[in-house]
C-alpha atoms as a PDB file:
ATOM      1  CA  MET A   1     -19.215   9.362  -8.754  1.00  0.00           C
ATOM      2  CA  SER A   2     -15.546  10.238  -9.722  1.00  0.00           C
ATOM      3  CA  PRO A   3     -14.185   7.971 -12.358  1.00  0.00           C
ATOM      4  CA  VAL A   4     -11.412   5.080 -12.271  1.00  0.00           C
ATOM      5  CA  VAL A   5      -8.320   6.195 -13.421  1.00  0.00           C
ATOM      6  CA  ILE A   6      -5.671   2.687 -13.369  1.00  0.00           C
ATOM      7  CA  GLY A   7      -2.077   3.547 -13.893  1.00  0.00           C
ATOM      8  CA  ARG A   8       0.909   2.051 -12.946  1.00  0.00           C
ATOM      9  CA  LEU A   9       2.714   2.795  -9.809  1.00  0.00           C
ATOM     10  CA  SER A  10       6.331   4.093  -9.769  1.00  0.00           C
ATOM     11  CA  GLY A  11       8.943   4.184  -6.513  1.00  0.00           C
ATOM     12  CA  GLU A  12       7.419   7.655  -6.166  1.00  0.00           C
ATOM     13  CA  ASP A  13       4.013   6.735  -5.857  1.00  0.00           C
ATOM     14  CA  TRP A  14       4.627   4.221  -2.602  1.00  0.00           C
ATOM     15  CA  ARG A  15       3.145   6.808  -0.058  1.00  0.00           C
ATOM     16  CA  THR A  16      -0.146   6.365  -2.179  1.00  0.00           C
ATOM     17  CA  TRP A  17       0.288   2.607  -2.260  1.00  0.00           C
ATOM     18  CA  ARG A  18       1.288   2.310   1.599  1.00  0.00           C
ATOM     19  CA  ARG A  19      -2.048   4.057   2.347  1.00  0.00           C
ATOM     20  CA  LEU A  20      -4.075   1.379   0.030  1.00  0.00           C
ATOM     21  CA  ARG A  21      -2.414  -1.119   1.472  1.00  0.00           C
ATOM     22  CA  LEU A  22      -2.697  -0.429   4.900  1.00  0.00           C
ATOM     23  CA  ALA A  23      -6.580   0.274   3.909  1.00  0.00           C
ATOM     24  CA  ALA A  24      -6.603  -3.383   2.411  1.00  0.00           C
ATOM     25  CA  LEU A  25      -5.704  -4.853   5.908  1.00  0.00           C
ATOM     26  CA  ALA A  26      -7.676  -3.170   7.881  1.00  0.00           C
ATOM     27  CA  ASP A  27     -10.771  -3.975   6.050  1.00  0.00           C
ATOM     28  CA  ALA A  28      -9.271  -7.783   5.147  1.00  0.00           C
ATOM     29  CA  PRO A  29      -6.565  -8.911   6.563  1.00  0.00           C
ATOM     30  CA  GLY A  30      -6.394 -12.754   6.116  1.00  0.00           C
ATOM     31  CA  VAL A  31      -6.810 -11.498   2.653  1.00  0.00           C
ATOM     32  CA  PHE A  32      -3.858  -9.815   1.901  1.00  0.00           C
ATOM     33  CA  HIS A  33      -1.397 -11.550   4.580  1.00  0.00           C
ATOM     34  CA  GLY A  34      -0.312  -8.500   6.653  1.00  0.00           C
ATOM     35  CA  ASP A  35       0.080  -7.368   9.763  1.00  0.00           C
ATOM     36  CA  PRO A  36      -0.944  -3.321   9.551  1.00  0.00           C
ATOM     37  CA  GLU A  37       0.943  -2.436  12.690  1.00  0.00           C
ATOM     38  CA  GLU A  38       3.618  -3.617  11.365  1.00  0.00           C
ATOM     39  CA  GLU A  39       3.313  -2.239   8.228  1.00  0.00           C
ATOM     40  CA  ARG A  40       2.527   1.075   9.446  1.00  0.00           C
ATOM     41  CA  ALA A  41       5.634   1.628  10.926  1.00  0.00           C
ATOM     42  CA  TYR A  42       7.524   1.093   7.763  1.00  0.00           C
ATOM     43  CA  ASP A  43       9.682   4.119   6.827  1.00  0.00           C
ATOM     44  CA  GLU A  44      10.293   5.255   2.937  1.00  0.00           C
ATOM     45  CA  ALA A  45      13.714   2.955   2.573  1.00  0.00           C
ATOM     46  CA  ARG A  46      11.053   0.049   3.428  1.00  0.00           C
ATOM     47  CA  GLY A  47       7.732   1.228   1.764  1.00  0.00           C
ATOM     48  CA  ARG A  48       9.276   2.118  -1.599  1.00  0.00           C
ATOM     49  CA  PRO A  49       9.646  -1.391  -2.503  1.00  0.00           C
ATOM     50  CA  TRP A  50       5.915  -2.178  -2.669  1.00  0.00           C
ATOM     51  CA  PRO A  51       5.449  -1.025  -5.666  1.00  0.00           C
ATOM     52  CA  HIS A  52       7.490  -2.975  -7.504  1.00  0.00           C
ATOM     53  CA  GLY A  53       7.125  -5.845  -5.494  1.00  0.00           C
END
């Protein structure tokens, strides 16, 4: 088993956040309130604010 690492995301981590967000939406869309298809289409300019929001 891999260790769990907790850290603060920065704007440079937007791809990691996007990957986690899309996985969460696919798993439980009603809990995370978003449209996976819409969010999958977001580009970097739209994706960078996520870790700060």
